[in-house]
Amino acid sequence: MDEIQKKMIAEVADLHEVPVGAYNFRVNSELDSRNTTANIDIITKTDKPGIDIKIKPGTKNESVHIPVVISQSGLKETVYNDFYVGEDADVFIVAGCGIHNCGDQDSQHDGVHRFFVGKNARVKYVEKHYGEGDGNGKRILNPVTEVYQEEGSYVEMEMSQIKGVDSTIRTTKAELKDGAVFKVHESLMTHGKQKADSYYTVELKGNGSNTDVVSRSVAKDDSEQTFEVAIVGDAECHGHAECDAIIMGNAHVVAVPKLDAKNVDAALIHEAAIGKIAGDQLIKLMTLGLTEEEAEEQIIAGFLR
């Protein structure tokens, strides 16, 4: 990897050196480097671009890093990654994609991730998207995430996109069996003429299943955002969705909730709030010596955490 590619790896995976544990680095549609462990195997697919990540039952305190970097203008790819998490495993997975585009052609990465999570397994998943470059070509990221959870499993996902992505369509769906828990925290910021659409569908199929989908977003300038979430309660279950957005300039934000209760014991809740930064917050920080721009940055940073 060159210095630009290393910088992008650091942005999307917080890696400044080779990680301990299993990893797969993909750079400009090619495998750059890979490591497996006794409990985690990474296998290249033979029928389409992508990998299978197989985590043995009972694996504890291990991690998997699978970042993707594109630094070639005009490159477009679709990658399929499947995670098979064995029963009683407890793993930390870091993904994400960074696009550096200094050319005139669009660069695009579409990643399809499927998670098959065994009984009583626990997964913490972090996905970051980032774009940079002074070319006219767009930086486009379209992630698709599918989660299939067995009884008693727990999946927590942190999805963030804070800078530099011109267009994104983020699609996530999950199916939960008895006692499974699925939690999502999305952080998103757009500016200029950027466009971001997020679509979530969670099906609570098992008794005692639980989901919490939370989105925090900031839309600046002339950017556009759409957040749609559908929670289907097909058993005795609990579902909660929340969308909070700060709107600035001429931006446009749409929040669309759908709660579908198919069982008398399904408890489903949705909350949404869209508005500008409160003037008293700005004034308070400005009295401490910050400029208005600095005060806005502080408020936004705290809001997106």
Protein backbone atom coordinates (compact mmCIF):
# COMPACT_ATOMS: atom_id res chain seq x y z
CA MET A 1 0.00 0.00 0.00
CA ASP A 2 1.12 3.55 -0.71
CA GLU A 3 0.81 6.42 1.78
CA ILE A 4 -2.62 7.53 0.51
CA GLN A 5 -3.99 4.00 0.86
CA LYS A 6 -2.51 3.66 4.37
CA LYS A 7 -4.18 6.95 5.34
CA MET A 8 -7.53 5.67 4.09
CA ILE A 9 -7.12 2.45 6.09
CA ALA A 10 -6.50 4.58 9.18
CA GLU A 11 -9.64 6.64 8.49
CA VAL A 12 -12.06 3.74 8.03
CA ALA A 13 -10.57 1.14 10.38
CA ASP A 14 -8.55 3.19 12.93
CA LEU A 15 -5.51 1.12 11.96
CA HIS A 16 -2.02 2.60 11.93
CA GLU A 17 -0.26 -0.75 11.87
CA VAL A 18 -1.04 -4.37 11.07
CA PRO A 19 -3.72 -5.54 13.54
CA VAL A 20 -3.55 -8.54 15.81
CA GLY A 21 -5.93 -11.30 14.76
CA ALA A 22 -7.68 -12.03 11.49
CA TYR A 23 -7.74 -9.45 8.70
CA ASN A 24 -8.32 -9.00 4.98
CA PHE A 25 -7.22 -5.77 3.27
CA ARG A 26 -8.74 -5.08 -0.15
CA VAL A 27 -7.15 -2.31 -2.25
CA ASN A 28 -8.38 -1.28 -5.71
CA SER A 29 -10.34 -4.53 -6.19
CA GLU A 30 -7.37 -6.74 -5.31
CA LEU A 31 -6.35 -8.63 -2.16
CA ASP A 32 -3.51 -6.70 -0.52
CA SER A 33 -2.91 -8.86 2.57
CA ARG A 34 -4.65 -11.43 4.76
CA ASN A 35 -4.21 -13.25 8.04
CA THR A 36 -6.27 -16.01 9.63
CA THR A 37 -6.22 -17.53 13.12
CA ALA A 38 -6.96 -20.93 14.60
CA ASN A 39 -10.56 -19.83 15.23
CA ILE A 40 -11.23 -17.45 12.33
CA ASP A 41 -10.80 -18.43 8.71
CA ILE A 42 -11.12 -16.11 5.69
CA ILE A 43 -11.77 -17.77 2.34
CA THR A 44 -11.94 -16.14 -1.10
CA LYS A 45 -15.22 -16.80 -2.91
CA THR A 46 -14.94 -18.66 -6.18
CA ASP A 47 -18.24 -17.63 -7.79
CA LYS A 48 -18.12 -13.85 -7.27
CA PRO A 49 -15.95 -11.13 -5.70
CA GLY A 50 -15.76 -11.35 -1.91
CA ILE A 51 -14.89 -13.54 1.04
CA ASP A 52 -16.39 -15.96 3.55
CA ILE A 53 -15.44 -15.32 7.18
CA LYS A 54 -15.95 -18.40 9.31
CA ILE A 55 -15.78 -18.01 13.10
CA LYS A 56 -15.70 -21.20 15.11
CA PRO A 57 -18.22 -21.83 17.92
CA GLY A 58 -16.99 -20.64 21.31
CA THR A 59 -14.45 -18.15 19.91
CA LYS A 60 -13.82 -15.39 22.46
CA ASN A 61 -11.97 -12.06 22.49
CA GLU A 62 -10.92 -12.15 18.84
CA SER A 63 -11.29 -9.56 16.08
CA VAL A 64 -11.68 -9.40 12.31
CA HIS A 65 -10.68 -6.36 10.21
CA ILE A 66 -11.85 -6.23 6.57
CA PRO A 67 -11.36 -2.66 5.29
CA VAL A 68 -11.63 -1.69 1.61
CA VAL A 69 -9.75 1.16 -0.09
CA ILE A 70 -10.25 2.61 -3.56
CA SER A 71 -7.70 5.16 -4.78
CA GLN A 72 -8.21 4.68 -8.51
CA SER A 73 -10.60 7.04 -10.27
CA GLY A 74 -13.26 5.30 -12.32
CA LEU A 75 -13.10 2.00 -10.45
CA LYS A 76 -16.50 0.45 -9.68
CA GLU A 77 -17.02 -2.83 -7.84
CA THR A 78 -19.55 -4.96 -5.98
CA VAL A 79 -18.20 -7.23 -3.24
CA TYR A 80 -20.03 -9.99 -1.34
CA ASN A 81 -18.85 -10.87 2.17
CA ASP A 82 -20.54 -13.54 4.31
CA PHE A 83 -19.93 -13.94 8.05
CA TYR A 84 -20.68 -17.26 9.73
CA VAL A 85 -20.54 -16.77 13.50
CA GLY A 86 -20.62 -20.00 15.50
CA GLU A 87 -22.65 -20.62 18.65
CA ASP A 88 -21.45 -18.91 21.84
CA ALA A 89 -18.79 -16.91 19.96
CA ASP A 90 -17.99 -13.32 20.98
CA VAL A 91 -16.20 -11.31 18.28
CA PHE A 92 -15.39 -7.75 17.20
CA ILE A 93 -15.62 -7.00 13.47
CA VAL A 94 -14.35 -3.83 11.79
CA ALA A 95 -15.26 -3.08 8.18
CA GLY A 96 -15.63 0.09 6.15
CA CYS A 97 -14.57 1.65 2.88
CA GLY A 98 -12.53 4.70 1.97
CA ILE A 99 -12.51 6.26 -1.50
CA HIS A 100 -9.79 8.68 -2.60
CA ASN A 101 -10.79 10.14 -5.97
CA CYS A 102 -8.73 12.84 -7.66
CA GLY A 103 -9.94 12.09 -11.18
CA ASP A 104 -12.90 12.98 -13.38
CA GLN A 105 -14.59 9.56 -13.32
CA ASP A 106 -16.88 8.28 -10.57
CA SER A 107 -15.50 5.68 -8.15
CA GLN A 108 -17.97 3.31 -6.49
CA HIS A 109 -17.95 0.48 -3.96
CA ASP A 110 -21.08 -1.56 -3.28
CA GLY A 111 -20.59 -3.99 -0.41
CA VAL A 112 -23.09 -6.74 0.43
CA HIS A 113 -22.51 -8.15 3.91
CA ARG A 114 -24.52 -11.08 5.29
CA PHE A 115 -24.28 -12.20 8.91
CA PHE A 116 -25.41 -15.64 10.05
CA VAL A 117 -25.20 -15.46 13.84
CA GLY A 118 -25.45 -18.68 15.86
CA LYS A 119 -27.24 -19.31 19.14
CA ASN A 120 -26.07 -17.12 22.05
CA ALA A 121 -23.30 -15.58 19.93
CA ARG A 122 -22.32 -11.90 20.32
CA VAL A 123 -21.10 -9.61 17.56
CA LYS A 124 -19.88 -6.00 17.75
CA TYR A 125 -19.64 -4.60 14.21
CA VAL A 126 -18.18 -1.20 13.25
CA GLU A 127 -18.49 0.15 9.70
CA LYS A 128 -17.09 3.52 8.63
CA HIS A 129 -17.37 5.18 5.24
CA TYR A 130 -15.12 8.05 4.17
CA GLY A 131 -14.32 9.94 0.99
CA GLU A 132 -11.73 12.49 -0.10
CA GLY A 133 -9.97 13.82 -3.20
CA ASP A 134 -10.06 17.00 -5.26
CA GLY A 135 -11.27 15.52 -8.56
CA ASN A 136 -14.64 16.01 -10.20
CA GLY A 137 -15.45 12.30 -10.06
CA LYS A 138 -17.98 11.27 -7.44
CA ARG A 139 -17.34 9.00 -4.47
CA ILE A 140 -20.25 6.54 -4.24
CA LEU A 141 -20.87 3.93 -1.53
CA ASN A 142 -23.90 1.63 -1.40
CA PRO A 143 -23.72 -0.83 1.52
CA VAL A 144 -26.21 -3.67 1.91
CA THR A 145 -26.32 -5.46 5.27
CA GLU A 146 -28.35 -8.57 6.06
CA VAL A 147 -28.46 -10.09 9.54
CA TYR A 148 -29.95 -13.47 10.46
CA GLN A 149 -29.91 -14.15 14.20
CA GLU A 150 -30.52 -17.41 15.99
CA GLU A 151 -31.94 -17.75 19.51
CA GLY A 152 -30.31 -15.66 22.23
CA SER A 153 -27.82 -13.94 19.92
CA TYR A 154 -26.75 -10.31 20.26
CA VAL A 155 -25.62 -8.01 17.44
CA GLU A 156 -24.55 -4.40 17.90
CA MET A 157 -23.70 -2.27 14.87
CA GLU A 158 -22.12 1.18 14.59
CA MET A 159 -22.49 2.67 11.12
CA SER A 160 -20.89 6.04 10.40
CA GLN A 161 -20.37 8.29 7.40
CA ILE A 162 -19.06 11.70 8.33
CA LYS A 163 -17.18 13.10 5.34
CA GLY A 164 -16.66 13.09 1.63
CA VAL A 165 -19.25 10.65 0.23
CA ASP A 166 -21.26 12.17 -2.63
CA SER A 167 -23.98 9.54 -2.86
CA THR A 168 -24.98 6.60 -0.69
CA ILE A 169 -27.89 4.19 -0.44
CA ARG A 170 -27.64 2.24 2.82
CA THR A 171 -29.90 -0.81 3.07
CA THR A 172 -30.09 -2.95 6.20
CA LYS A 173 -32.42 -5.78 7.10
CA ALA A 174 -32.48 -8.19 10.04
CA GLU A 175 -34.46 -11.24 11.13
CA LEU A 176 -34.48 -12.21 14.81
CA LYS A 177 -35.48 -15.45 16.51
CA ASP A 178 -36.38 -16.00 20.20
CA GLY A 179 -34.48 -13.77 22.62
CA ALA A 180 -32.26 -12.22 19.95
CA VAL A 181 -31.18 -8.57 20.25
CA PHE A 182 -30.26 -6.25 17.36
CA LYS A 183 -28.95 -2.73 18.07
CA VAL A 184 -27.91 -0.11 15.52
CA HIS A 185 -26.40 3.35 15.94
CA GLU A 186 -26.06 5.30 12.69
CA SER A 187 -24.10 8.57 12.45
CA LEU A 188 -24.30 10.50 9.19
CA MET A 189 -23.30 13.91 7.87
CA THR A 190 -23.83 15.37 4.41
CA HIS A 191 -22.88 18.70 2.87
CA GLY A 192 -22.76 20.42 -0.51
CA LYS A 193 -25.07 18.55 -2.88
CA GLN A 194 -24.51 15.14 -1.32
CA LYS A 195 -27.37 12.66 -1.05
CA ALA A 196 -27.81 9.89 1.54
CA ASP A 197 -30.65 7.39 1.84
CA SER A 198 -30.91 4.90 4.73
CA TYR A 199 -33.41 2.04 4.75
CA TYR A 200 -33.86 -0.33 7.71
CA THR A 201 -36.19 -3.31 8.00
CA VAL A 202 -36.18 -5.42 11.18
CA GLU A 203 -38.41 -8.46 11.54
CA LEU A 204 -38.94 -9.58 15.13
CA LYS A 205 -39.96 -13.19 14.57
CA GLY A 206 -39.14 -14.70 17.97
CA ASN A 207 -40.60 -14.28 21.44
CA GLY A 208 -38.48 -11.95 23.53
CA SER A 209 -36.69 -10.50 20.52
CA ASN A 210 -35.63 -6.87 20.78
CA THR A 211 -34.34 -4.14 18.46
CA ASP A 212 -33.17 -0.55 18.90
CA VAL A 213 -32.39 1.43 15.72
CA VAL A 214 -31.05 4.95 16.33
CA SER A 215 -29.98 7.45 13.67
CA ARG A 216 -28.19 10.76 14.31
CA SER A 217 -27.62 12.90 11.25
CA VAL A 218 -26.59 16.38 10.17
CA ALA A 219 -27.54 17.79 6.76
CA LYS A 220 -25.76 20.95 5.58
CA ASP A 221 -25.88 23.23 2.52
CA ASP A 222 -28.03 21.73 -0.29
CA SER A 223 -27.66 18.10 0.73
CA GLU A 224 -30.53 15.62 1.01
CA GLN A 225 -31.19 12.77 3.43
CA THR A 226 -33.91 10.16 3.73
CA PHE A 227 -34.25 7.80 6.69
CA GLU A 228 -36.83 5.00 6.49
CA VAL A 229 -37.25 2.37 9.18
CA ALA A 230 -39.74 -0.49 9.33
CA ILE A 231 -40.09 -2.71 12.39
CA VAL A 232 -42.31 -5.77 12.09
CA GLY A 233 -43.45 -7.40 15.33
CA ASP A 234 -44.50 -10.97 14.64
CA ALA A 235 -44.24 -12.26 18.23
CA GLU A 236 -44.02 -11.07 21.84
CA CYS A 237 -41.25 -8.54 21.25
CA HIS A 238 -39.99 -4.98 21.71
CA GLY A 239 -38.92 -2.60 18.95
CA HIS A 240 -37.69 0.99 19.13
CA ALA A 241 -36.62 3.32 16.33
CA GLU A 242 -35.35 6.87 16.72
CA CYS A 243 -34.29 9.49 14.17
CA ASP A 244 -32.76 12.80 15.26
CA ALA A 245 -31.50 15.21 12.59
CA ILE A 246 -29.97 18.68 12.53
CA ILE A 247 -30.78 20.63 9.37
CA MET A 248 -28.67 23.58 8.17
CA GLY A 249 -28.69 25.89 5.15
CA ASN A 250 -30.98 24.66 2.35
CA ALA A 251 -30.76 20.98 3.26
CA HIS A 252 -33.70 18.58 3.05
CA VAL A 253 -34.34 15.72 5.51
CA VAL A 254 -37.14 13.16 5.42
CA ALA A 255 -37.89 10.60 8.20
CA VAL A 256 -40.37 7.81 7.40
CA PRO A 257 -41.39 5.38 10.18
CA LYS A 258 -43.34 2.16 9.75
CA LEU A 259 -44.45 0.04 12.69
CA ASP A 260 -46.18 -3.22 11.82
CA ALA A 261 -47.58 -5.12 14.83
CA LYS A 262 -48.77 -8.64 13.96
CA ASN A 263 -48.97 -9.87 17.54
CA VAL A 264 -50.96 -8.49 20.47
CA ASP A 265 -47.79 -8.60 22.61
CA ALA A 266 -45.63 -6.65 20.15
CA ALA A 267 -44.53 -3.32 21.67
CA LEU A 268 -43.23 -0.98 18.98
CA ILE A 269 -42.14 2.66 19.39
CA HIS A 270 -40.87 5.31 16.99
CA GLU A 271 -39.44 8.75 17.76
CA ALA A 272 -38.31 11.43 15.30
CA ALA A 273 -37.04 15.00 15.61
CA ILE A 274 -35.70 17.30 12.89
CA GLY A 275 -34.63 20.88 13.54
CA LYS A 276 -31.89 23.48 13.52
CA ILE A 277 -29.26 24.09 16.17
CA ALA A 278 -30.78 25.92 19.11
CA GLY A 279 -29.69 29.54 19.36
CA ASP A 280 -29.11 29.36 23.11
CA GLN A 281 -26.61 26.52 22.60
CA LEU A 282 -24.60 28.66 20.18
CA ILE A 283 -24.71 31.69 22.47
CA LYS A 284 -23.55 29.68 25.47
CA LEU A 285 -20.50 28.35 23.65
CA MET A 286 -19.72 31.73 22.08
CA THR A 287 -19.65 33.33 25.52
CA LEU A 288 -16.83 30.89 26.30
CA GLY A 289 -14.75 32.38 23.50
CA LEU A 290 -15.68 30.24 20.50
CA THR A 291 -16.62 31.70 17.15
CA GLU A 292 -20.07 30.83 15.76
CA GLU A 293 -18.46 28.33 13.35
CA GLU A 294 -16.44 26.72 16.14
CA ALA A 295 -19.52 26.52 18.34
CA GLU A 296 -21.47 24.79 15.55
CA GLU A 297 -18.66 22.27 15.08
CA GLN A 298 -18.62 21.46 18.79
CA ILE A 299 -22.39 20.95 18.90
CA ILE A 300 -22.38 18.74 15.79
CA ALA A 301 -19.49 16.62 17.06
CA GLY A 302 -21.27 15.98 20.34
CA PHE A 303 -24.57 15.27 18.59
CA LEU A 304 -23.07 12.63 16.26
CA ARG A 305 -21.30 10.66 19.00
